[in-house]
Amino acid sequence: MNQAQMMQQMRKMQQEMARIQEELANTVVEGSASGGLVTVGITGEFQVKKVTIKPDAVDPDDVETLEDLLVVALNDALGKVQALSSQKMGALTGGLKIPGM
């Protein structure tokens, strides 16, 4: 492979990466806790877009449980976003571990 072909391949890869990043930015993944008492929506860029708390999850005498449910829901969504990002970037890089991706 000559240098021109390599540069063309790199440009194509950069364009595909930009497309995937845009797709991830526009994808909202939902995480939940306790059967949906608390749900959160997070983009593929790890931005929280939505938090939903059902009235049954709110007990003024037990705020700690609600806090725990939020942590569980957020971690659930973050894990799903990480898996989605790895899947999409893995398809682009052929499974290679490239720093920063």
PDB file of N, CA and C in Angstrom:
ATOM      1  N   MET A   1       0.851  -1.182   0.000  1.00  0.00           N
ATOM      2  CA  MET A   1       0.000   0.000   0.000  1.00  0.00           C
ATOM      3  C   MET A   1       0.891   1.237   0.000  1.00  0.00           C
ATOM      4  N   ASN A   2       0.624   2.136  -0.927  1.00  0.00           N
ATOM      5  CA  ASN A   2       1.445   3.347  -0.985  1.00  0.00           C
ATOM      6  C   ASN A   2       0.893   4.417  -0.041  1.00  0.00           C
ATOM      7  N   GLN A   3       1.631   5.496   0.085  1.00  0.00           N
ATOM      8  CA  GLN A   3       1.284   6.543   1.036  1.00  0.00           C
ATOM      9  C   GLN A   3      -0.054   7.212   0.693  1.00  0.00           C
ATOM     10  N   ALA A   4      -0.323   7.421  -0.575  1.00  0.00           N
ATOM     11  CA  ALA A   4      -1.588   8.049  -0.984  1.00  0.00           C
ATOM     12  C   ALA A   4      -2.776   7.170  -0.601  1.00  0.00           C
ATOM     13  N   GLN A   5      -2.644   5.874  -0.795  1.00  0.00           N
ATOM     14  CA  GLN A   5      -3.720   4.951  -0.419  1.00  0.00           C
ATOM     15  C   GLN A   5      -3.922   4.943   1.094  1.00  0.00           C
ATOM     16  N   MET A   6      -2.811   4.991   1.826  1.00  0.00           N
ATOM     17  CA  MET A   6      -2.889   5.012   3.278  1.00  0.00           C
ATOM     18  C   MET A   6      -3.592   6.276   3.767  1.00  0.00           C
ATOM     19  N   MET A   7      -3.254   7.412   3.183  1.00  0.00           N
ATOM     20  CA  MET A   7      -3.887   8.685   3.567  1.00  0.00           C
ATOM     21  C   MET A   7      -5.374   8.666   3.243  1.00  0.00           C
ATOM     22  N   GLN A   8      -5.737   8.104   2.090  1.00  0.00           N
ATOM     23  CA  GLN A   8      -7.136   8.009   1.712  1.00  0.00           C
ATOM     24  C   GLN A   8      -7.892   7.120   2.706  1.00  0.00           C
ATOM     25  N   GLN A   9      -7.273   6.034   3.108  1.00  0.00           N
ATOM     26  CA  GLN A   9      -7.889   5.121   4.060  1.00  0.00           C
ATOM     27  C   GLN A   9      -8.061   5.813   5.423  1.00  0.00           C
ATOM     28  N   MET A  10      -7.085   6.603   5.836  1.00  0.00           N
ATOM     29  CA  MET A  10      -7.177   7.337   7.104  1.00  0.00           C
ATOM     30  C   MET A  10      -8.299   8.364   7.062  1.00  0.00           C
ATOM     31  N   ARG A  11      -8.432   9.082   5.944  1.00  0.00           N
ATOM     32  CA  ARG A  11      -9.520  10.060   5.807  1.00  0.00           C
ATOM     33  C   ARG A  11     -10.870   9.370   5.889  1.00  0.00           C
ATOM     34  N   LYS A  12     -10.981   8.220   5.227  1.00  0.00           N
ATOM     35  CA  LYS A  12     -12.228   7.468   5.258  1.00  0.00           C
ATOM     36  C   LYS A  12     -12.550   7.025   6.689  1.00  0.00           C
ATOM     37  N   MET A  13     -11.538   6.584   7.404  1.00  0.00           N
ATOM     38  CA  MET A  13     -11.733   6.159   8.787  1.00  0.00           C
ATOM     39  C   MET A  13     -12.149   7.335   9.664  1.00  0.00           C
ATOM     40  N   GLN A  14     -11.542   8.518   9.465  1.00  0.00           N
ATOM     41  CA  GLN A  14     -11.901   9.706  10.229  1.00  0.00           C
ATOM     42  C   GLN A  14     -13.344  10.121   9.955  1.00  0.00           C
ATOM     43  N   GLN A  15     -13.769  10.040   8.692  1.00  0.00           N
ATOM     44  CA  GLN A  15     -15.148  10.380   8.340  1.00  0.00           C
ATOM     45  C   GLN A  15     -16.121   9.408   9.006  1.00  0.00           C
ATOM     46  N   GLU A  16     -15.775   8.134   8.987  1.00  0.00           N
ATOM     47  CA  GLU A  16     -16.632   7.124   9.607  1.00  0.00           C
ATOM     48  C   GLU A  16     -16.682   7.331  11.123  1.00  0.00           C
ATOM     49  N   MET A  17     -15.564   7.687  11.721  1.00  0.00           N
ATOM     50  CA  MET A  17     -15.530   7.948  13.155  1.00  0.00           C
ATOM     51  C   MET A  17     -16.408   9.150  13.504  1.00  0.00           C
ATOM     52  N   ALA A  18     -16.342  10.198  12.698  1.00  0.00           N
ATOM     53  CA  ALA A  18     -17.175  11.379  12.924  1.00  0.00           C
ATOM     54  C   ALA A  18     -18.653  11.018  12.811  1.00  0.00           C
ATOM     55  N   ARG A  19     -18.994  10.158  11.845  1.00  0.00           N
ATOM     56  CA  ARG A  19     -20.383   9.717  11.683  1.00  0.00           C
ATOM     57  C   ARG A  19     -20.845   8.932  12.909  1.00  0.00           C
ATOM     58  N   ILE A  20     -19.997   8.048  13.388  1.00  0.00           N
ATOM     59  CA  ILE A  20     -20.344   7.243  14.562  1.00  0.00           C
ATOM     60  C   ILE A  20     -20.497   8.135  15.797  1.00  0.00           C
ATOM     61  N   GLN A  21     -19.604   9.100  15.976  1.00  0.00           N
ATOM     62  CA  GLN A  21     -19.696  10.004  17.116  1.00  0.00           C
ATOM     63  C   GLN A  21     -20.981  10.824  17.073  1.00  0.00           C
ATOM     64  N   GLU A  22     -21.376  11.266  15.884  1.00  0.00           N
ATOM     65  CA  GLU A  22     -22.633  12.004  15.744  1.00  0.00           C
ATOM     66  C   GLU A  22     -23.821  11.104  16.070  1.00  0.00           C
ATOM     67  N   GLU A  23     -23.757   9.872  15.596  1.00  0.00           N
ATOM     68  CA  GLU A  23     -24.824   8.904  15.884  1.00  0.00           C
ATOM     69  C   GLU A  23     -24.928   8.663  17.390  1.00  0.00           C
ATOM     70  N   LEU A  24     -23.793   8.496  18.055  1.00  0.00           N
ATOM     71  CA  LEU A  24     -23.800   8.285  19.502  1.00  0.00           C
ATOM     72  C   LEU A  24     -24.358   9.507  20.234  1.00  0.00           C
ATOM     73  N   ALA A  25     -24.017  10.703  19.766  1.00  0.00           N
ATOM     74  CA  ALA A  25     -24.506  11.930  20.397  1.00  0.00           C
ATOM     75  C   ALA A  25     -26.023  12.031  20.303  1.00  0.00           C
ATOM     76  N   ASN A  26     -26.599  11.455  19.250  1.00  0.00           N
ATOM     77  CA  ASN A  26     -28.039  11.535  19.039  1.00  0.00           C
ATOM     78  C   ASN A  26     -28.790  10.312  19.556  1.00  0.00           C
ATOM     79  N   THR A  27     -28.081   9.370  20.161  1.00  0.00           N
ATOM     80  CA  THR A  27     -28.705   8.172  20.699  1.00  0.00           C
ATOM     81  C   THR A  27     -28.865   8.333  22.204  1.00  0.00           C
ATOM     82  N   VAL A  28     -30.060   8.082  22.705  1.00  0.00           N
ATOM     83  CA  VAL A  28     -30.313   8.131  24.143  1.00  0.00           C
ATOM     84  C   VAL A  28     -30.556   6.702  24.626  1.00  0.00           C
ATOM     85  N   VAL A  29     -29.763   6.295  25.619  1.00  0.00           N
ATOM     86  CA  VAL A  29     -29.859   4.969  26.204  1.00  0.00           C
ATOM     87  C   VAL A  29     -30.528   5.126  27.567  1.00  0.00           C
ATOM     88  N   GLU A  30     -31.424   4.207  27.895  1.00  0.00           N
ATOM     89  CA  GLU A  30     -32.149   4.303  29.151  1.00  0.00           C
ATOM     90  C   GLU A  30     -31.635   3.276  30.148  1.00  0.00           C
ATOM     91  N   GLY A  31     -31.470   3.728  31.371  1.00  0.00           N
ATOM     92  CA  GLY A  31     -31.136   2.848  32.488  1.00  0.00           C
ATOM     93  C   GLY A  31     -32.234   2.958  33.519  1.00  0.00           C
ATOM     94  N   SER A  32     -32.411   1.895  34.304  1.00  0.00           N
ATOM     95  CA  SER A  32     -33.480   1.936  35.296  1.00  0.00           C
ATOM     96  C   SER A  32     -33.080   1.207  36.564  1.00  0.00           C
ATOM     97  N   ALA A  33     -33.872   1.437  37.596  1.00  0.00           N
ATOM     98  CA  ALA A  33     -33.657   0.781  38.880  1.00  0.00           C
ATOM     99  C   ALA A  33     -35.009   0.388  39.452  1.00  0.00           C
ATOM    100  N   SER A  34     -35.002  -0.717  40.163  1.00  0.00           N
ATOM    101  CA  SER A  34     -36.170  -1.184  40.905  1.00  0.00           C
ATOM    102  C   SER A  34     -37.415  -1.268  40.041  1.00  0.00           C
ATOM    103  N   GLY A  35     -37.270  -1.964  38.914  1.00  0.00           N
ATOM    104  CA  GLY A  35     -38.423  -2.181  38.035  1.00  0.00           C
ATOM    105  C   GLY A  35     -38.965  -0.924  37.391  1.00  0.00           C
ATOM    106  N   GLY A  36     -38.134   0.091  37.240  1.00  0.00           N
ATOM    107  CA  GLY A  36     -38.568   1.314  36.568  1.00  0.00           C
ATOM    108  C   GLY A  36     -39.034   2.410  37.507  1.00  0.00           C
ATOM    109  N   LEU A  37     -38.850   2.231  38.822  1.00  0.00           N
ATOM    110  CA  LEU A  37     -39.215   3.322  39.734  1.00  0.00           C
ATOM    111  C   LEU A  37     -38.407   4.575  39.418  1.00  0.00           C
ATOM    112  N   VAL A  38     -37.161   4.364  39.029  1.00  0.00           N
ATOM    113  CA  VAL A  38     -36.296   5.458  38.612  1.00  0.00           C
ATOM    114  C   VAL A  38     -35.705   5.086  37.262  1.00  0.00           C
ATOM    115  N   THR A  39     -35.825   5.973  36.286  1.00  0.00           N
ATOM    116  CA  THR A  39     -35.207   5.756  34.980  1.00  0.00           C
ATOM    117  C   THR A  39     -34.421   7.008  34.600  1.00  0.00           C
ATOM    118  N   VAL A  40     -33.352   6.785  33.842  1.00  0.00           N
ATOM    119  CA  VAL A  40     -32.552   7.899  33.345  1.00  0.00           C
ATOM    120  C   VAL A  40     -32.255   7.660  31.876  1.00  0.00           C
ATOM    121  N   GLY A  41     -32.135   8.729  31.137  1.00  0.00           N
ATOM    122  CA  GLY A  41     -31.740   8.671  29.732  1.00  0.00           C
ATOM    123  C   GLY A  41     -30.426   9.401  29.557  1.00  0.00           C
ATOM    124  N   ILE A  42     -29.449   8.716  28.956  1.00  0.00           N
ATOM    125  CA  ILE A  42     -28.119   9.290  28.764  1.00  0.00           C
ATOM    126  C   ILE A  42     -27.729   9.128  27.304  1.00  0.00           C
ATOM    127  N   THR A  43     -27.131  10.170  26.724  1.00  0.00           N
ATOM    128  CA  THR A  43     -26.693  10.093  25.330  1.00  0.00           C
ATOM    129  C   THR A  43     -25.426   9.256  25.228  1.00  0.00           C
ATOM    130  N   GLY A  44     -25.090   8.912  23.996  1.00  0.00           N
ATOM    131  CA  GLY A  44     -23.859   8.194  23.729  1.00  0.00           C
ATOM    132  C   GLY A  44     -22.618   9.009  24.040  1.00  0.00           C
ATOM    133  N   GLU A  45     -22.800  10.277  24.345  1.00  0.00           N
ATOM    134  CA  GLU A  45     -21.699  11.142  24.772  1.00  0.00           C
ATOM    135  C   GLU A  45     -21.727  11.362  26.283  1.00  0.00           C
ATOM    136  N   PHE A  46     -22.449  10.503  26.990  1.00  0.00           N
ATOM    137  CA  PHE A  46     -22.516  10.504  28.456  1.00  0.00           C
ATOM    138  C   PHE A  46     -23.140  11.769  29.043  1.00  0.00           C
ATOM    139  N   GLN A  47     -24.116  12.346  28.343  1.00  0.00           N
ATOM    140  CA  GLN A  47     -24.848  13.487  28.881  1.00  0.00           C
ATOM    141  C   GLN A  47     -26.219  13.017  29.333  1.00  0.00           C
ATOM    142  N   VAL A  48     -26.566  13.329  30.581  1.00  0.00           N
ATOM    143  CA  VAL A  48     -27.871  12.954  31.113  1.00  0.00           C
ATOM    144  C   VAL A  48     -28.914  13.861  30.469  1.00  0.00           C
ATOM    145  N   LYS A  49     -29.921  13.241  29.841  1.00  0.00           N
ATOM    146  CA  LYS A  49     -30.965  14.002  29.161  1.00  0.00           C
ATOM    147  C   LYS A  49     -32.293  13.968  29.912  1.00  0.00           C
ATOM    148  N   LYS A  50     -32.491  12.910  30.729  1.00  0.00           N
ATOM    149  CA  LYS A  50     -33.804  12.770  31.353  1.00  0.00           C
ATOM    150  C   LYS A  50     -33.675  11.938  32.619  1.00  0.00           C
ATOM    151  N   VAL A  51     -34.403  12.333  33.647  1.00  0.00           N
ATOM    152  CA  VAL A  51     -34.529  11.549  34.874  1.00  0.00           C
ATOM    153  C   VAL A  51     -36.017  11.486  35.190  1.00  0.00           C
ATOM    154  N   THR A  52     -36.510  10.274  35.397  1.00  0.00           N
ATOM    155  CA  THR A  52     -37.915  10.085  35.750  1.00  0.00           C
ATOM    156  C   THR A  52     -37.977   9.336  37.080  1.00  0.00           C
ATOM    157  N   ILE A  53     -38.723   9.895  38.021  1.00  0.00           N
ATOM    158  CA  ILE A  53     -38.886   9.275  39.332  1.00  0.00           C
ATOM    159  C   ILE A  53     -40.375   9.089  39.571  1.00  0.00           C
ATOM    160  N   LYS A  54     -40.792   7.834  39.720  1.00  0.00           N
ATOM    161  CA  LYS A  54     -42.209   7.565  39.992  1.00  0.00           C
ATOM    162  C   LYS A  54     -42.516   7.932  41.445  1.00  0.00           C
ATOM    163  N   PRO A  55     -43.734   8.392  41.703  1.00  0.00           N
ATOM    164  CA  PRO A  55     -44.106   8.812  43.066  1.00  0.00           C
ATOM    165  C   PRO A  55     -43.845   7.744  44.130  1.00  0.00           C
ATOM    166  N   ASP A  56     -43.974   6.470  43.765  1.00  0.00           N
ATOM    167  CA  ASP A  56     -43.738   5.399  44.741  1.00  0.00           C
ATOM    168  C   ASP A  56     -42.293   5.376  45.242  1.00  0.00           C
ATOM    169  N   ALA A  57     -41.379   5.969  44.498  1.00  0.00           N
ATOM    170  CA  ALA A  57     -39.967   5.978  44.892  1.00  0.00           C
ATOM    171  C   ALA A  57     -39.660   7.082  45.884  1.00  0.00           C
ATOM    172  N   VAL A  58     -40.614   7.995  46.074  1.00  0.00           N
ATOM    173  CA  VAL A  58     -40.374   9.155  46.931  1.00  0.00           C
ATOM    174  C   VAL A  58     -40.967   8.919  48.320  1.00  0.00           C
ATOM    175  N   ASP A  59     -40.079   8.841  49.296  1.00  0.00           N
ATOM    176  CA  ASP A  59     -40.485   8.718  50.696  1.00  0.00           C
ATOM    177  C   ASP A  59     -39.668   9.744  51.467  1.00  0.00           C
ATOM    178  N   PRO A  60     -40.305  10.812  51.935  1.00  0.00           N
ATOM    179  CA  PRO A  60     -39.563  11.868  52.630  1.00  0.00           C
ATOM    180  C   PRO A  60     -38.762  11.361  53.833  1.00  0.00           C
ATOM    181  N   ASP A  61     -39.191  10.256  54.404  1.00  0.00           N
ATOM    182  CA  ASP A  61     -38.486   9.703  55.555  1.00  0.00           C
ATOM    183  C   ASP A  61     -37.346   8.766  55.153  1.00  0.00           C
ATOM    184  N   ASP A  62     -37.190   8.513  53.845  1.00  0.00           N
ATOM    185  CA  ASP A  62     -36.159   7.585  53.384  1.00  0.00           C
ATOM    186  C   ASP A  62     -35.542   8.088  52.079  1.00  0.00           C
ATOM    187  N   VAL A  63     -34.901   9.225  52.132  1.00  0.00           N
ATOM    188  CA  VAL A  63     -34.274   9.832  50.969  1.00  0.00           C
ATOM    189  C   VAL A  63     -33.108   8.962  50.473  1.00  0.00           C
ATOM    190  N   GLU A  64     -32.445   8.248  51.378  1.00  0.00           N
ATOM    191  CA  GLU A  64     -31.290   7.427  51.002  1.00  0.00           C
ATOM    192  C   GLU A  64     -31.649   6.360  49.973  1.00  0.00           C
ATOM    193  N   THR A  65     -32.816   5.775  50.078  1.00  0.00           N
ATOM    194  CA  THR A  65     -33.225   4.757  49.104  1.00  0.00           C
ATOM    195  C   THR A  65     -33.381   5.379  47.722  1.00  0.00           C
ATOM    196  N   LEU A  66     -33.972   6.553  47.637  1.00  0.00           N
ATOM    197  CA  LEU A  66     -34.111   7.242  46.359  1.00  0.00           C
ATOM    198  C   LEU A  66     -32.736   7.576  45.776  1.00  0.00           C
ATOM    199  N   GLU A  67     -31.826   8.024  46.611  1.00  0.00           N
ATOM    200  CA  GLU A  67     -30.467   8.303  46.153  1.00  0.00           C
ATOM    201  C   GLU A  67     -29.814   7.034  45.599  1.00  0.00           C
ATOM    202  N   ASP A  68     -29.993   5.928  46.308  1.00  0.00           N
ATOM    203  CA  ASP A  68     -29.444   4.646  45.849  1.00  0.00           C
ATOM    204  C   ASP A  68     -30.049   4.231  44.511  1.00  0.00           C
ATOM    205  N   LEU A  69     -31.350   4.441  44.349  1.00  0.00           N
ATOM    206  CA  LEU A  69     -32.016   4.096  43.090  1.00  0.00           C
ATOM    207  C   LEU A  69     -31.473   4.941  41.937  1.00  0.00           C
ATOM    208  N   LEU A  70     -31.213   6.202  42.201  1.00  0.00           N
ATOM    209  CA  LEU A  70     -30.626   7.064  41.170  1.00  0.00           C
ATOM    210  C   LEU A  70     -29.239   6.571  40.774  1.00  0.00           C
ATOM    211  N   VAL A  71     -28.436   6.185  41.735  1.00  0.00           N
ATOM    212  CA  VAL A  71     -27.095   5.664  41.444  1.00  0.00           C
ATOM    213  C   VAL A  71     -27.196   4.400  40.594  1.00  0.00           C
ATOM    214  N   VAL A  72     -28.095   3.495  40.965  1.00  0.00           N
ATOM    215  CA  VAL A  72     -28.259   2.243  40.211  1.00  0.00           C
ATOM    216  C   VAL A  72     -28.705   2.532  38.781  1.00  0.00           C
ATOM    217  N   ALA A  73     -29.691   3.408  38.611  1.00  0.00           N
ATOM    218  CA  ALA A  73     -30.202   3.733  37.280  1.00  0.00           C
ATOM    219  C   ALA A  73     -29.130   4.397  36.420  1.00  0.00           C
ATOM    220  N   LEU A  74     -28.389   5.327  37.006  1.00  0.00           N
ATOM    221  CA  LEU A  74     -27.317   6.000  36.259  1.00  0.00           C
ATOM    222  C   LEU A  74     -26.228   5.013  35.854  1.00  0.00           C
ATOM    223  N   ASN A  75     -25.814   4.162  36.769  1.00  0.00           N
ATOM    224  CA  ASN A  75     -24.781   3.176  36.440  1.00  0.00           C
ATOM    225  C   ASN A  75     -25.271   2.184  35.388  1.00  0.00           C
ATOM    226  N   ASP A  76     -26.541   1.820  35.441  1.00  0.00           N
ATOM    227  CA  ASP A  76     -27.121   0.930  34.430  1.00  0.00           C
ATOM    228  C   ASP A  76     -27.039   1.581  33.053  1.00  0.00           C
ATOM    229  N   ALA A  77     -27.458   2.837  32.971  1.00  0.00           N
ATOM    230  CA  ALA A  77     -27.426   3.560  31.685  1.00  0.00           C
ATOM    231  C   ALA A  77     -25.989   3.762  31.209  1.00  0.00           C
ATOM    232  N   LEU A  78     -25.086   4.125  32.109  1.00  0.00           N
ATOM    233  CA  LEU A  78     -23.693   4.346  31.721  1.00  0.00           C
ATOM    234  C   LEU A  78     -23.051   3.071  31.189  1.00  0.00           C
ATOM    235  N   GLY A  79     -23.367   1.955  31.808  1.00  0.00           N
ATOM    236  CA  GLY A  79     -22.849   0.675  31.320  1.00  0.00           C
ATOM    237  C   GLY A  79     -23.348   0.370  29.924  1.00  0.00           C
ATOM    238  N   LYS A  80     -24.618   0.672  29.666  1.00  0.00           N
ATOM    239  CA  LYS A  80     -25.189   0.445  28.332  1.00  0.00           C
ATOM    240  C   LYS A  80     -24.566   1.371  27.298  1.00  0.00           C
ATOM    241  N   VAL A  81     -24.317   2.625  27.670  1.00  0.00           N
ATOM    242  CA  VAL A  81     -23.679   3.574  26.750  1.00  0.00           C
ATOM    243  C   VAL A  81     -22.261   3.101  26.423  1.00  0.00           C
ATOM    244  N   GLN A  82     -21.535   2.656  27.433  1.00  0.00           N
ATOM    245  CA  GLN A  82     -20.165   2.182  27.213  1.00  0.00           C
ATOM    246  C   GLN A  82     -20.164   0.983  26.271  1.00  0.00           C
ATOM    247  N   ALA A  83     -21.096   0.059  26.470  1.00  0.00           N
ATOM    248  CA  ALA A  83     -21.181  -1.121  25.600  1.00  0.00           C
ATOM    249  C   ALA A  83     -21.524  -0.717  24.168  1.00  0.00           C
ATOM    250  N   LEU A  84     -22.460   0.222  24.014  1.00  0.00           N
ATOM    251  CA  LEU A  84     -22.845   0.689  22.684  1.00  0.00           C
ATOM    252  C   LEU A  84     -21.670   1.369  21.986  1.00  0.00           C
ATOM    253  N   SER A  85     -20.967   2.221  22.717  1.00  0.00           N
ATOM    254  CA  SER A  85     -19.814   2.919  22.153  1.00  0.00           C
ATOM    255  C   SER A  85     -18.722   1.922  21.743  1.00  0.00           C
ATOM    256  N   SER A  86     -18.443   0.954  22.597  1.00  0.00           N
ATOM    257  CA  SER A  86     -17.431  -0.055  22.280  1.00  0.00           C
ATOM    258  C   SER A  86     -17.815  -0.861  21.057  1.00  0.00           C
ATOM    259  N   GLN A  87     -19.098  -1.189  20.958  1.00  0.00           N
ATOM    260  CA  GLN A  87     -19.585  -1.959  19.813  1.00  0.00           C
ATOM    261  C   GLN A  87     -19.404  -1.174  18.516  1.00  0.00           C
ATOM    262  N   LYS A  88     -19.814   0.091  18.531  1.00  0.00           N
ATOM    263  CA  LYS A  88     -19.740   0.903  17.315  1.00  0.00           C
ATOM    264  C   LYS A  88     -18.295   1.209  16.930  1.00  0.00           C
ATOM    265  N   MET A  89     -17.477   1.574  17.894  1.00  0.00           N
ATOM    266  CA  MET A  89     -16.079   1.878  17.598  1.00  0.00           C
ATOM    267  C   MET A  89     -15.315   0.596  17.252  1.00  0.00           C
ATOM    268  N   GLY A  90     -15.675  -0.510  17.886  1.00  0.00           N
ATOM    269  CA  GLY A  90     -15.030  -1.788  17.588  1.00  0.00           C
ATOM    270  C   GLY A  90     -15.251  -2.198  16.152  1.00  0.00           C
ATOM    271  N   ALA A  91     -16.439  -1.916  15.628  1.00  0.00           N
ATOM    272  CA  ALA A  91     -16.727  -2.224  14.230  1.00  0.00           C
ATOM    273  C   ALA A  91     -15.829  -1.401  13.299  1.00  0.00           C
ATOM    274  N   LEU A  92     -15.537  -0.175  13.708  1.00  0.00           N
ATOM    275  CA  LEU A  92     -14.696   0.709  12.889  1.00  0.00           C
ATOM    276  C   LEU A  92     -13.223   0.300  12.938  1.00  0.00           C
ATOM    277  N   THR A  93     -12.767  -0.057  14.140  1.00  0.00           N
ATOM    278  CA  THR A  93     -11.337  -0.347  14.311  1.00  0.00           C
ATOM    279  C   THR A  93     -11.011  -1.822  14.151  1.00  0.00           C
ATOM    280  N   GLY A  94     -12.008  -2.633  13.884  1.00  0.00           N
ATOM    281  CA  GLY A  94     -11.756  -4.066  13.725  1.00  0.00           C
ATOM    282  C   GLY A  94     -11.345  -4.724  15.022  1.00  0.00           C
ATOM    283  N   GLY A  95     -11.774  -4.157  16.149  1.00  0.00           N
ATOM    284  CA  GLY A  95     -11.452  -4.734  17.445  1.00  0.00           C
ATOM    285  C   GLY A  95     -10.117  -4.293  18.018  1.00  0.00           C
ATOM    286  N   LEU A  96      -9.369  -3.468  17.282  1.00  0.00           N
ATOM    287  CA  LEU A  96      -8.085  -2.981  17.800  1.00  0.00           C
ATOM    288  C   LEU A  96      -8.336  -2.020  18.946  1.00  0.00           C
ATOM    289  N   LYS A  97      -7.532  -2.080  19.947  1.00  0.00           N
ATOM    290  CA  LYS A  97      -7.624  -1.149  21.070  1.00  0.00           C
ATOM    291  C   LYS A  97      -6.778   0.072  20.748  1.00  0.00           C
ATOM    292  N   ILE A  98      -7.447   1.155  20.323  1.00  0.00           N
ATOM    293  CA  ILE A  98      -6.751   2.383  19.971  1.00  0.00           C
ATOM    294  C   ILE A  98      -6.967   3.377  21.099  1.00  0.00           C
ATOM    295  N   PRO A  99      -5.906   3.911  21.697  1.00  0.00           N
ATOM    296  CA  PRO A  99      -6.054   4.849  22.794  1.00  0.00           C
ATOM    297  C   PRO A  99      -6.958   6.021  22.415  1.00  0.00           C
ATOM    298  N   GLY A 100      -7.845   6.390  23.329  1.00  0.00           N
ATOM    299  CA  GLY A 100      -8.737   7.516  23.099  1.00  0.00           C
ATOM    300  C   GLY A 100     -10.015   7.172  22.362  1.00  0.00           C
ATOM    301  N   MET A 101     -10.214   5.908  22.027  1.00  0.00           N
ATOM    302  CA  MET A 101     -11.433   5.500  21.308  1.00  0.00           C
ATOM    303  C   MET A 101     -12.242   4.562  22.156  1.00  0.00           C
TER     304      MET A 101
END
